[in-house]
Amino acid sequence: MGNRIFALLKQIWANKGLRFLLQLLLFVALAYLLKQQWQRAAAELPPLSWQRFQAEFSLAYFSLALLLLPLNWALEAQKWRALLAAPMAFSRAIKAIFMGLALGVFTPNRIGEHAGRLLYLPKALRAQSLSSSAFGSLAQWIVLVAAGLLALAYRELAQLPIPAWFLAQKYWLYGALPPLLLLLLAIYFWGPQWCSRWTFLQKYAFLKLNLPKRNLSAVLGLSLLRYGCYILQNVALLYAFGARPPFLLAVTAVQLVFLAQTALPIPASVALLARASLSLYFLAPIAADHILWASFTLWLINIFLPTLMASLIGFFRLNAKEKKI
């Protein structure tokens, strides 16, 4: 399956004219996407006045959010290398991540990322890359849900504000998600071994994931670090645009936003307003424009900027022949 997808992409990319056209279309699409996001943001929430911006903006917090960008994607690249369990240059892993990001930005829950990453994989690893991507997403989901539940429990104990519509689901969240997390942890660590015992599954190469448990543990740890990095970026941008909620209030609010957003199968390209709307509930009574600008800037830094960089500096160039990894 992975080989067929790769063959199709390679056939398309082999044509220089078509490749240039696709790159141009991607750049235009990103520009249009930025314009649409800006218009939606301007229509939904009031703008931040220049005088207020000058008075409240913190360059130090904004710089912190920017400095966390390379760390964020470096952690994702290292996670991808650990999942493949094969020698791969770090620069090549970064290119694969950015290619996947560009193709995934327009698809629900970024399901297009796998096709983009395939372009930078050697033939021997393409079949197992599907299961590697699935286990990488599973590790990130486990971290996100577990941390979200802890944030919900903390806010309840500390009597911090929780939206009534979210609090009404707490018995379902506490009752269903912990057993589900335990089941998913069991699948994560022992699933590949179970699959290998079923003879009829052994013919499906994309189901094979021959990873030692230390690699799986490392991937889970890297997922936790990336999650923490993303949380800090969110909080730093809130502070940068003048919002000054207590640190734990801001952190747990962002965690609950991520937990709620997990259930929404929407493309990353239109997730900005969804995240901003959810943040309004959990970060009240912070001014709405602070939340908008923080959410919009986070989207620019983590989604738009890396994708644009990948397009401009030639990360999408598919080599005519495989390089030795």
C-alpha atoms as a PDB file:
ATOM      1  CA  MET A   1       0.000   0.000   0.000  1.00  0.00           C
ATOM      2  CA  GLY A   2       2.779   2.411   0.963  1.00  0.00           C
ATOM      3  CA  ASN A   3       4.725   1.500  -2.189  1.00  0.00           C
ATOM      4  CA  ARG A   4       1.710   2.187  -4.438  1.00  0.00           C
ATOM      5  CA  ILE A   5       1.166   5.604  -2.875  1.00  0.00           C
ATOM      6  CA  PHE A   6       4.843   6.430  -3.247  1.00  0.00           C
ATOM      7  CA  ALA A   7       4.939   5.254  -6.887  1.00  0.00           C
ATOM      8  CA  LEU A   8       2.003   7.517  -7.739  1.00  0.00           C
ATOM      9  CA  LEU A   9       3.557  10.529  -6.016  1.00  0.00           C
ATOM     10  CA  LYS A  10       6.928   9.882  -7.628  1.00  0.00           C
ATOM     11  CA  GLN A  11       5.376   9.587 -11.073  1.00  0.00           C
ATOM     12  CA  ILE A  12       3.669  12.943 -10.623  1.00  0.00           C
ATOM     13  CA  TRP A  13       6.800  14.574  -9.219  1.00  0.00           C
ATOM     14  CA  ALA A  14       9.052  13.259 -12.006  1.00  0.00           C
ATOM     15  CA  ASN A  15       7.570  15.838 -14.384  1.00  0.00           C
ATOM     16  CA  LYS A  16       9.444  19.092 -13.713  1.00  0.00           C
ATOM     17  CA  GLY A  17       6.726  21.264 -15.187  1.00  0.00           C
ATOM     18  CA  LEU A  18       4.030  19.573 -13.158  1.00  0.00           C
ATOM     19  CA  ARG A  19       6.169  19.762 -10.041  1.00  0.00           C
ATOM     20  CA  PHE A  20       6.655  23.514 -10.530  1.00  0.00           C
ATOM     21  CA  LEU A  21       2.929  23.944 -11.121  1.00  0.00           C
ATOM     22  CA  LEU A  22       2.094  22.032  -7.939  1.00  0.00           C
ATOM     23  CA  GLN A  23       4.570  24.117  -5.946  1.00  0.00           C
ATOM     24  CA  LEU A  24       3.037  27.295  -7.359  1.00  0.00           C
ATOM     25  CA  LEU A  25      -0.472  26.064  -6.556  1.00  0.00           C
ATOM     26  CA  LEU A  26       0.612  25.212  -3.019  1.00  0.00           C
ATOM     27  CA  PHE A  27       2.070  28.691  -2.521  1.00  0.00           C
ATOM     28  CA  VAL A  28      -1.110  30.326  -3.874  1.00  0.00           C
ATOM     29  CA  ALA A  29      -3.255  28.044  -1.695  1.00  0.00           C
ATOM     30  CA  LEU A  30      -1.265  29.004   1.392  1.00  0.00           C
ATOM     31  CA  ALA A  31      -1.569  32.701   0.565  1.00  0.00           C
ATOM     32  CA  TYR A  32      -5.320  32.291   0.082  1.00  0.00           C
ATOM     33  CA  LEU A  33      -5.533  30.315   3.311  1.00  0.00           C
ATOM     34  CA  LEU A  34      -3.775  33.103   5.211  1.00  0.00           C
ATOM     35  CA  LYS A  35      -6.146  35.668   3.702  1.00  0.00           C
ATOM     36  CA  GLN A  36      -9.180  33.572   4.681  1.00  0.00           C
ATOM     37  CA  GLN A  37      -7.934  33.080   8.236  1.00  0.00           C
ATOM     38  CA  TRP A  38      -7.298  36.804   8.581  1.00  0.00           C
ATOM     39  CA  GLN A  39     -10.749  37.707   7.283  1.00  0.00           C
ATOM     40  CA  ARG A  40     -12.472  35.200   9.568  1.00  0.00           C
ATOM     41  CA  ALA A  41     -10.516  36.444  12.554  1.00  0.00           C
ATOM     42  CA  ALA A  42     -11.295  40.074  11.753  1.00  0.00           C
ATOM     43  CA  ALA A  43     -14.991  39.286  11.337  1.00  0.00           C
ATOM     44  CA  GLU A  44     -15.346  37.251  14.527  1.00  0.00           C
ATOM     45  CA  LEU A  45     -13.453  39.303  17.085  1.00  0.00           C
ATOM     46  CA  PRO A  46     -12.491  42.960  17.546  1.00  0.00           C
ATOM     47  CA  PRO A  47      -9.059  44.073  16.338  1.00  0.00           C
ATOM     48  CA  LEU A  48      -6.217  44.913  18.693  1.00  0.00           C
ATOM     49  CA  SER A  49      -5.559  48.660  18.476  1.00  0.00           C
ATOM     50  CA  TRP A  50      -2.027  49.838  17.731  1.00  0.00           C
ATOM     51  CA  GLN A  51      -1.865  51.876  20.928  1.00  0.00           C
ATOM     52  CA  ARG A  52      -2.958  48.909  23.015  1.00  0.00           C
ATOM     53  CA  PHE A  53      -0.569  46.652  21.137  1.00  0.00           C
ATOM     54  CA  GLN A  54       2.376  48.936  21.929  1.00  0.00           C
ATOM     55  CA  ALA A  55       1.380  49.144  25.582  1.00  0.00           C
ATOM     56  CA  GLU A  56       0.798  45.428  26.172  1.00  0.00           C
ATOM     57  CA  PHE A  57       2.979  43.521  23.709  1.00  0.00           C
ATOM     58  CA  SER A  58       5.937  41.628  25.240  1.00  0.00           C
ATOM     59  CA  LEU A  59       8.827  40.921  22.892  1.00  0.00           C
ATOM     60  CA  ALA A  60      10.387  38.554  25.432  1.00  0.00           C
ATOM     61  CA  TYR A  61       7.385  36.205  25.501  1.00  0.00           C
ATOM     62  CA  PHE A  62       7.003  36.429  21.722  1.00  0.00           C
ATOM     63  CA  SER A  63      10.682  35.522  21.280  1.00  0.00           C
ATOM     64  CA  LEU A  64      10.193  32.532  23.583  1.00  0.00           C
ATOM     65  CA  ALA A  65       7.354  31.265  21.372  1.00  0.00           C
ATOM     66  CA  LEU A  66       9.565  31.660  18.300  1.00  0.00           C
ATOM     67  CA  LEU A  67      12.503  29.887  19.939  1.00  0.00           C
ATOM     68  CA  LEU A  68      10.258  26.936  20.751  1.00  0.00           C
ATOM     69  CA  LEU A  69       9.399  26.491  17.047  1.00  0.00           C
ATOM     70  CA  PRO A  70      12.600  24.666  15.990  1.00  0.00           C
ATOM     71  CA  LEU A  71      12.459  22.589  19.184  1.00  0.00           C
ATOM     72  CA  ASN A  72       8.878  21.609  18.410  1.00  0.00           C
ATOM     73  CA  TRP A  73       9.667  20.260  14.945  1.00  0.00           C
ATOM     74  CA  ALA A  74      13.027  18.812  15.998  1.00  0.00           C
ATOM     75  CA  LEU A  75      11.190  16.689  18.557  1.00  0.00           C
ATOM     76  CA  GLU A  76       8.736  15.540  15.873  1.00  0.00           C
ATOM     77  CA  ALA A  77      11.597  14.657  13.516  1.00  0.00           C
ATOM     78  CA  GLN A  78      13.368  12.699  16.237  1.00  0.00           C
ATOM     79  CA  LYS A  79      10.119  10.900  17.032  1.00  0.00           C
ATOM     80  CA  TRP A  80       9.761   9.939  13.370  1.00  0.00           C
ATOM     81  CA  ARG A  81      13.317   8.571  13.340  1.00  0.00           C
ATOM     82  CA  ALA A  82      12.647   6.534  16.476  1.00  0.00           C
ATOM     83  CA  LEU A  83       9.470   5.097  14.951  1.00  0.00           C
ATOM     84  CA  LEU A  84      11.268   3.996  11.810  1.00  0.00           C
ATOM     85  CA  ALA A  85      14.072   2.371  13.850  1.00  0.00           C
ATOM     86  CA  ALA A  86      16.456   2.795  10.931  1.00  0.00           C
ATOM     87  CA  PRO A  87      19.386   5.113  10.217  1.00  0.00           C
ATOM     88  CA  MET A  88      18.102   8.407   8.805  1.00  0.00           C
ATOM     89  CA  ALA A  89      19.808  11.764   8.564  1.00  0.00           C
ATOM     90  CA  PHE A  90      18.178  14.348  10.799  1.00  0.00           C
ATOM     91  CA  SER A  91      17.943  16.849   7.925  1.00  0.00           C
ATOM     92  CA  ARG A  92      16.106  14.288   5.808  1.00  0.00           C
ATOM     93  CA  ALA A  93      13.686  13.604   8.657  1.00  0.00           C
ATOM     94  CA  ILE A  94      12.990  17.351   8.945  1.00  0.00           C
ATOM     95  CA  LYS A  95      12.268  17.532   5.216  1.00  0.00           C
ATOM     96  CA  ALA A  96       9.872  14.601   5.504  1.00  0.00           C
ATOM     97  CA  ILE A  97       8.095  16.265   8.422  1.00  0.00           C
ATOM     98  CA  PHE A  98       7.689  19.553   6.540  1.00  0.00           C
ATOM     99  CA  MET A  99       6.482  17.800   3.393  1.00  0.00           C
ATOM    100  CA  GLY A 100       3.890  15.936   5.439  1.00  0.00           C
ATOM    101  CA  LEU A 101       2.875  19.170   7.158  1.00  0.00           C
ATOM    102  CA  ALA A 102       2.231  20.866   3.808  1.00  0.00           C
ATOM    103  CA  LEU A 103       0.064  18.035   2.505  1.00  0.00           C
ATOM    104  CA  GLY A 104      -1.692  17.555   5.834  1.00  0.00           C
ATOM    105  CA  VAL A 105      -2.668  21.188   6.406  1.00  0.00           C
ATOM    106  CA  PHE A 106      -5.686  20.860   4.120  1.00  0.00           C
ATOM    107  CA  THR A 107      -6.939  17.480   5.359  1.00  0.00           C
ATOM    108  CA  PRO A 108      -9.004  16.527   8.456  1.00  0.00           C
ATOM    109  CA  ASN A 109      -6.769  15.720  11.446  1.00  0.00           C
ATOM    110  CA  ARG A 110      -3.782  16.039   9.064  1.00  0.00           C
ATOM    111  CA  ILE A 111      -4.306  12.594   7.539  1.00  0.00           C
ATOM    112  CA  GLY A 112      -2.385  13.739   4.447  1.00  0.00           C
ATOM    113  CA  GLU A 113       0.879  13.917   6.398  1.00  0.00           C
ATOM    114  CA  HIS A 114       1.750  10.274   5.746  1.00  0.00           C
ATOM    115  CA  ALA A 115       1.735  10.671   1.961  1.00  0.00           C
ATOM    116  CA  GLY A 116       4.138  13.594   2.209  1.00  0.00           C
ATOM    117  CA  ARG A 117       6.556  11.776   4.491  1.00  0.00           C
ATOM    118  CA  LEU A 118       6.660   8.813   2.102  1.00  0.00           C
ATOM    119  CA  LEU A 119       8.566  10.889  -0.441  1.00  0.00           C
ATOM    120  CA  TYR A 120      11.640  10.948   1.793  1.00  0.00           C
ATOM    121  CA  LEU A 121      11.658   7.303   2.796  1.00  0.00           C
ATOM    122  CA  PRO A 122      13.760   4.539   1.232  1.00  0.00           C
ATOM    123  CA  LYS A 123      11.859   1.687  -0.393  1.00  0.00           C
ATOM    124  CA  ALA A 124      12.570  -0.719   2.467  1.00  0.00           C
ATOM    125  CA  LEU A 125      10.782   1.484   4.986  1.00  0.00           C
ATOM    126  CA  ARG A 126       7.714   2.552   3.021  1.00  0.00           C
ATOM    127  CA  ALA A 127       5.561  -0.451   3.891  1.00  0.00           C
ATOM    128  CA  GLN A 128       5.989  -0.106   7.649  1.00  0.00           C
ATOM    129  CA  SER A 129       5.710   3.693   7.543  1.00  0.00           C
ATOM    130  CA  LEU A 130       1.914   3.477   7.749  1.00  0.00           C
ATOM    131  CA  SER A 131       2.013   1.625  11.065  1.00  0.00           C
ATOM    132  CA  SER A 132       4.827   3.931  12.237  1.00  0.00           C
ATOM    133  CA  SER A 133       2.657   6.986  11.546  1.00  0.00           C
ATOM    134  CA  ALA A 134      -0.302   5.353  13.283  1.00  0.00           C
ATOM    135  CA  PHE A 135       1.724   4.560  16.402  1.00  0.00           C
ATOM    136  CA  GLY A 136       3.219   8.060  16.420  1.00  0.00           C
ATOM    137  CA  SER A 137      -0.277   9.569  16.344  1.00  0.00           C
ATOM    138  CA  LEU A 138      -1.414   7.104  19.006  1.00  0.00           C
ATOM    139  CA  ALA A 139       1.432   8.140  21.315  1.00  0.00           C
ATOM    140  CA  GLN A 140       0.573  11.820  20.886  1.00  0.00           C
ATOM    141  CA  TRP A 141      -3.120  11.126  21.461  1.00  0.00           C
ATOM    142  CA  ILE A 142      -2.392   9.175  24.668  1.00  0.00           C
ATOM    143  CA  VAL A 143      -0.345  12.092  26.022  1.00  0.00           C
ATOM    144  CA  LEU A 144      -2.942  14.673  25.006  1.00  0.00           C
ATOM    145  CA  VAL A 145      -5.892  12.858  26.585  1.00  0.00           C
ATOM    146  CA  ALA A 146      -4.045  11.861  29.778  1.00  0.00           C
ATOM    147  CA  ALA A 147      -2.768  15.408  30.304  1.00  0.00           C
ATOM    148  CA  GLY A 148      -6.209  16.840  29.532  1.00  0.00           C
ATOM    149  CA  LEU A 149      -7.852  14.630  32.144  1.00  0.00           C
ATOM    150  CA  LEU A 150      -5.262  15.675  34.734  1.00  0.00           C
ATOM    151  CA  ALA A 151      -5.926  19.321  33.863  1.00  0.00           C
ATOM    152  CA  LEU A 152      -9.670  18.815  34.306  1.00  0.00           C
ATOM    153  CA  ALA A 153      -9.156  17.139  37.688  1.00  0.00           C
ATOM    154  CA  TYR A 154      -6.819  19.933  38.824  1.00  0.00           C
ATOM    155  CA  ARG A 155      -9.253  22.689  37.837  1.00  0.00           C
ATOM    156  CA  GLU A 156     -12.054  20.932  39.700  1.00  0.00           C
ATOM    157  CA  LEU A 157      -9.972  20.523  42.859  1.00  0.00           C
ATOM    158  CA  ALA A 158      -8.704  24.104  42.684  1.00  0.00           C
ATOM    159  CA  GLN A 159     -12.227  25.358  41.897  1.00  0.00           C
ATOM    160  CA  LEU A 160     -11.052  27.089  38.737  1.00  0.00           C
ATOM    161  CA  PRO A 161     -13.676  28.031  36.124  1.00  0.00           C
ATOM    162  CA  ILE A 162     -14.859  25.212  33.843  1.00  0.00           C
ATOM    163  CA  PRO A 163     -17.594  25.755  31.220  1.00  0.00           C
ATOM    164  CA  ALA A 164     -20.893  24.161  32.251  1.00  0.00           C
ATOM    165  CA  TRP A 165     -21.245  22.320  28.922  1.00  0.00           C
ATOM    166  CA  PHE A 166     -17.822  20.728  29.439  1.00  0.00           C
ATOM    167  CA  LEU A 167     -18.341  19.981  33.114  1.00  0.00           C
ATOM    168  CA  ALA A 168     -21.588  18.195  32.243  1.00  0.00           C
ATOM    169  CA  GLN A 169     -19.492  15.582  30.419  1.00  0.00           C
ATOM    170  CA  LYS A 170     -17.128  14.926  33.321  1.00  0.00           C
ATOM    171  CA  TYR A 171     -18.661  11.610  34.372  1.00  0.00           C
ATOM    172  CA  TRP A 172     -18.333  10.323  30.842  1.00  0.00           C
ATOM    173  CA  LEU A 173     -14.787  11.688  30.613  1.00  0.00           C
ATOM    174  CA  TYR A 174     -13.709  10.202  33.944  1.00  0.00           C
ATOM    175  CA  GLY A 175     -15.588   6.952  33.350  1.00  0.00           C
ATOM    176  CA  ALA A 176     -14.732   6.148  29.744  1.00  0.00           C
ATOM    177  CA  LEU A 177     -11.383   7.750  28.978  1.00  0.00           C
ATOM    178  CA  PRO A 178      -9.174   6.176  31.706  1.00  0.00           C
ATOM    179  CA  PRO A 179     -10.089   2.568  30.730  1.00  0.00           C
ATOM    180  CA  LEU A 180      -9.693   3.551  27.083  1.00  0.00           C
ATOM    181  CA  LEU A 181      -6.239   4.975  27.809  1.00  0.00           C
ATOM    182  CA  LEU A 182      -5.189   1.741  29.525  1.00  0.00           C
ATOM    183  CA  LEU A 183      -6.417  -0.261  26.529  1.00  0.00           C
ATOM    184  CA  LEU A 184      -4.566   1.993  24.101  1.00  0.00           C
ATOM    185  CA  LEU A 185      -1.383   1.780  26.174  1.00  0.00           C
ATOM    186  CA  ALA A 186      -1.640  -2.012  26.014  1.00  0.00           C
ATOM    187  CA  ILE A 187      -2.125  -1.850  22.233  1.00  0.00           C
ATOM    188  CA  TYR A 188       0.738   0.620  21.950  1.00  0.00           C
ATOM    189  CA  PHE A 189       3.291  -1.496  23.808  1.00  0.00           C
ATOM    190  CA  TRP A 190       2.091  -5.027  23.034  1.00  0.00           C
ATOM    191  CA  GLY A 191      -0.053  -4.629  19.901  1.00  0.00           C
ATOM    192  CA  PRO A 192       2.736  -5.420  17.400  1.00  0.00           C
ATOM    193  CA  GLN A 193       3.515  -8.668  19.269  1.00  0.00           C
ATOM    194  CA  TRP A 194      -0.145  -9.676  19.255  1.00  0.00           C
ATOM    195  CA  CYS A 195      -0.459  -8.986  15.528  1.00  0.00           C
ATOM    196  CA  SER A 196       2.622 -11.085  14.775  1.00  0.00           C
ATOM    197  CA  ARG A 197       0.892 -14.135  16.285  1.00  0.00           C
ATOM    198  CA  TRP A 198      -1.987 -13.954  13.801  1.00  0.00           C
ATOM    199  CA  THR A 199      -0.847 -15.768  10.677  1.00  0.00           C
ATOM    200  CA  PHE A 200      -3.370 -14.125   8.349  1.00  0.00           C
ATOM    201  CA  LEU A 201      -2.058 -10.659   9.314  1.00  0.00           C
ATOM    202  CA  GLN A 202       1.588 -11.419   8.568  1.00  0.00           C
ATOM    203  CA  LYS A 203       1.121 -10.950   4.825  1.00  0.00           C
ATOM    204  CA  TYR A 204       0.213  -7.290   5.361  1.00  0.00           C
ATOM    205  CA  ALA A 205       3.559  -5.538   5.542  1.00  0.00           C
ATOM    206  CA  PHE A 206       2.040  -2.188   6.534  1.00  0.00           C
ATOM    207  CA  LEU A 207       0.817  -3.779   9.814  1.00  0.00           C
ATOM    208  CA  LYS A 208       4.298  -4.792  10.881  1.00  0.00           C
ATOM    209  CA  LEU A 209       6.077  -2.621  13.415  1.00  0.00           C
ATOM    210  CA  ASN A 210       9.212  -4.323  14.696  1.00  0.00           C
ATOM    211  CA  LEU A 211      10.139  -1.823  17.369  1.00  0.00           C
ATOM    212  CA  PRO A 212      11.725  -2.621  20.723  1.00  0.00           C
ATOM    213  CA  LYS A 213       9.890  -1.299  23.760  1.00  0.00           C
ATOM    214  CA  ARG A 214      12.663   1.208  24.442  1.00  0.00           C
ATOM    215  CA  ASN A 215      11.860   2.876  21.103  1.00  0.00           C
ATOM    216  CA  LEU A 216       8.166   2.961  21.935  1.00  0.00           C
ATOM    217  CA  SER A 217       8.968   4.438  25.352  1.00  0.00           C
ATOM    218  CA  ALA A 218      11.209   7.034  23.687  1.00  0.00           C
ATOM    219  CA  VAL A 219       8.425   7.968  21.256  1.00  0.00           C
ATOM    220  CA  LEU A 220       5.992   8.394  24.139  1.00  0.00           C
ATOM    221  CA  GLY A 221       8.526  10.575  25.968  1.00  0.00           C
ATOM    222  CA  LEU A 222       9.161  12.680  22.854  1.00  0.00           C
ATOM    223  CA  SER A 223       5.394  13.071  22.419  1.00  0.00           C
ATOM    224  CA  LEU A 224       5.174  14.370  25.985  1.00  0.00           C
ATOM    225  CA  LEU A 225       8.016  16.835  25.381  1.00  0.00           C
ATOM    226  CA  ARG A 226       6.402  18.069  22.167  1.00  0.00           C
ATOM    227  CA  TYR A 227       3.081  18.476  23.947  1.00  0.00           C
ATOM    228  CA  GLY A 228       4.780  20.522  26.678  1.00  0.00           C
ATOM    229  CA  CYS A 229       6.539  22.632  24.062  1.00  0.00           C
ATOM    230  CA  TYR A 230       3.238  23.368  22.322  1.00  0.00           C
ATOM    231  CA  ILE A 231       1.541  24.267  25.611  1.00  0.00           C
ATOM    232  CA  LEU A 232       4.346  26.687  26.463  1.00  0.00           C
ATOM    233  CA  GLN A 233       4.069  28.298  23.025  1.00  0.00           C
ATOM    234  CA  ASN A 234       0.371  28.909  23.583  1.00  0.00           C
ATOM    235  CA  VAL A 235       0.898  30.417  27.028  1.00  0.00           C
ATOM    236  CA  ALA A 236       3.861  32.528  25.887  1.00  0.00           C
ATOM    237  CA  LEU A 237       1.782  34.033  23.064  1.00  0.00           C
ATOM    238  CA  LEU A 238      -1.101  34.798  25.423  1.00  0.00           C
ATOM    239  CA  TYR A 239       1.365  36.641  27.633  1.00  0.00           C
ATOM    240  CA  ALA A 240       2.998  38.300  24.600  1.00  0.00           C
ATOM    241  CA  PHE A 241      -0.293  39.923  23.568  1.00  0.00           C
ATOM    242  CA  GLY A 242      -1.088  41.281  26.993  1.00  0.00           C
ATOM    243  CA  ALA A 243      -3.052  38.524  28.712  1.00  0.00           C
ATOM    244  CA  ARG A 244      -1.629  37.773  32.135  1.00  0.00           C
ATOM    245  CA  PRO A 245      -3.631  34.911  33.676  1.00  0.00           C
ATOM    246  CA  PRO A 246      -1.985  32.841  36.431  1.00  0.00           C
ATOM    247  CA  PHE A 247       0.383  30.341  34.825  1.00  0.00           C
ATOM    248  CA  LEU A 248      -1.448  27.176  35.910  1.00  0.00           C
ATOM    249  CA  LEU A 249      -4.794  28.642  34.877  1.00  0.00           C
ATOM    250  CA  ALA A 250      -3.414  29.343  31.398  1.00  0.00           C
ATOM    251  CA  VAL A 251      -1.679  25.948  31.094  1.00  0.00           C
ATOM    252  CA  THR A 252      -4.708  23.916  32.160  1.00  0.00           C
ATOM    253  CA  ALA A 253      -6.998  26.008  29.939  1.00  0.00           C
ATOM    254  CA  VAL A 254      -4.854  25.246  26.883  1.00  0.00           C
ATOM    255  CA  GLN A 255      -4.773  21.565  27.866  1.00  0.00           C
ATOM    256  CA  LEU A 256      -8.579  21.434  28.013  1.00  0.00           C
ATOM    257  CA  VAL A 257      -8.832  23.229  24.671  1.00  0.00           C
ATOM    258  CA  PHE A 258      -6.669  20.508  23.125  1.00  0.00           C
ATOM    259  CA  LEU A 259      -8.726  17.811  24.823  1.00  0.00           C
ATOM    260  CA  ALA A 260     -11.979  19.273  23.477  1.00  0.00           C
ATOM    261  CA  GLN A 261     -10.525  19.852  20.022  1.00  0.00           C
ATOM    262  CA  THR A 262      -9.433  16.222  19.754  1.00  0.00           C
ATOM    263  CA  ALA A 263     -13.055  15.244  19.154  1.00  0.00           C
ATOM    264  CA  LEU A 264     -13.408  17.707  16.257  1.00  0.00           C
ATOM    265  CA  PRO A 265     -12.276  16.144  12.932  1.00  0.00           C
ATOM    266  CA  ILE A 266     -11.513  19.419  11.186  1.00  0.00           C
ATOM    267  CA  PRO A 267      -8.604  20.337   8.900  1.00  0.00           C
ATOM    268  CA  ALA A 268      -5.656  22.145  10.464  1.00  0.00           C
ATOM    269  CA  SER A 269      -6.268  24.925   7.928  1.00  0.00           C
ATOM    270  CA  VAL A 270      -9.561  25.888   9.617  1.00  0.00           C
ATOM    271  CA  ALA A 271      -8.729  24.916  13.184  1.00  0.00           C
ATOM    272  CA  LEU A 272      -7.767  28.473  14.148  1.00  0.00           C
ATOM    273  CA  LEU A 273     -11.232  29.779  14.915  1.00  0.00           C
ATOM    274  CA  ALA A 274     -12.288  26.494  16.492  1.00  0.00           C
ATOM    275  CA  ARG A 275      -9.364  26.723  18.917  1.00  0.00           C
ATOM    276  CA  ALA A 276      -9.992  30.418  19.558  1.00  0.00           C
ATOM    277  CA  SER A 277     -13.684  29.778  20.242  1.00  0.00           C
ATOM    278  CA  LEU A 278     -12.898  26.986  22.697  1.00  0.00           C
ATOM    279  CA  SER A 279     -10.283  29.177  24.374  1.00  0.00           C
ATOM    280  CA  LEU A 280     -12.916  31.833  25.024  1.00  0.00           C
ATOM    281  CA  TYR A 281     -14.730  29.373  27.305  1.00  0.00           C
ATOM    282  CA  PHE A 282     -11.715  28.173  29.253  1.00  0.00           C
ATOM    283  CA  LEU A 283      -9.806  31.464  29.500  1.00  0.00           C
ATOM    284  CA  ALA A 284     -12.680  33.750  30.487  1.00  0.00           C
ATOM    285  CA  PRO A 285     -12.599  36.591  31.425  1.00  0.00           C
ATOM    286  CA  ILE A 286      -9.479  37.269  29.310  1.00  0.00           C
ATOM    287  CA  ALA A 287     -10.222  39.727  26.495  1.00  0.00           C
ATOM    288  CA  ALA A 288     -11.285  38.020  23.294  1.00  0.00           C
ATOM    289  CA  ASP A 289      -8.807  39.882  21.108  1.00  0.00           C
ATOM    290  CA  HIS A 290      -5.886  38.591  23.181  1.00  0.00           C
ATOM    291  CA  ILE A 291      -7.050  35.022  22.567  1.00  0.00           C
ATOM    292  CA  LEU A 292      -7.568  35.655  18.861  1.00  0.00           C
ATOM    293  CA  TRP A 293      -4.150  37.150  18.307  1.00  0.00           C
ATOM    294  CA  ALA A 294      -2.433  34.429  20.308  1.00  0.00           C
ATOM    295  CA  SER A 295      -4.271  31.686  18.373  1.00  0.00           C
ATOM    296  CA  PHE A 296      -3.676  33.339  15.012  1.00  0.00           C
ATOM    297  CA  THR A 297       0.021  33.894  15.712  1.00  0.00           C
ATOM    298  CA  LEU A 298       0.436  30.311  16.906  1.00  0.00           C
ATOM    299  CA  TRP A 299      -1.081  29.106  13.623  1.00  0.00           C
ATOM    300  CA  LEU A 300       1.308  31.374  11.710  1.00  0.00           C
ATOM    301  CA  ILE A 301       4.348  30.126  13.622  1.00  0.00           C
ATOM    302  CA  ASN A 302       3.632  26.403  13.762  1.00  0.00           C
ATOM    303  CA  ILE A 303       1.657  25.721  10.576  1.00  0.00           C
ATOM    304  CA  PHE A 304       1.902  28.452   7.973  1.00  0.00           C
ATOM    305  CA  LEU A 305       5.541  29.488   8.432  1.00  0.00           C
ATOM    306  CA  PRO A 306       7.099  25.967   8.284  1.00  0.00           C
ATOM    307  CA  THR A 307       4.958  25.048   5.274  1.00  0.00           C
ATOM    308  CA  LEU A 308       5.865  28.249   3.462  1.00  0.00           C
ATOM    309  CA  MET A 309       9.541  27.745   4.280  1.00  0.00           C
ATOM    310  CA  ALA A 310       9.401  24.192   2.945  1.00  0.00           C
ATOM    311  CA  SER A 311       7.916  25.409  -0.316  1.00  0.00           C
ATOM    312  CA  LEU A 312      10.327  28.309  -0.798  1.00  0.00           C
ATOM    313  CA  ILE A 313      13.637  26.616  -0.024  1.00  0.00           C
ATOM    314  CA  GLY A 314      12.945  23.515  -2.080  1.00  0.00           C
ATOM    315  CA  PHE A 315      12.084  20.950   0.548  1.00  0.00           C
ATOM    316  CA  PHE A 316       9.572  19.590  -1.943  1.00  0.00           C
ATOM    317  CA  ARG A 317      12.199  18.660  -4.487  1.00  0.00           C
ATOM    318  CA  LEU A 318      12.046  14.897  -5.008  1.00  0.00           C
ATOM    319  CA  ASN A 319      15.455  13.485  -5.826  1.00  0.00           C
ATOM    320  CA  ALA A 320      15.673  11.625  -9.098  1.00  0.00           C
ATOM    321  CA  LYS A 321      17.464   8.814  -7.365  1.00  0.00           C
ATOM    322  CA  GLU A 322      17.407   7.597  -3.799  1.00  0.00           C
ATOM    323  CA  LYS A 323      20.152   8.934  -1.570  1.00  0.00           C
ATOM    324  CA  LYS A 324      21.850   6.625   0.834  1.00  0.00           C
ATOM    325  CA  ILE A 325      20.479   7.231   4.301  1.00  0.00           C
END
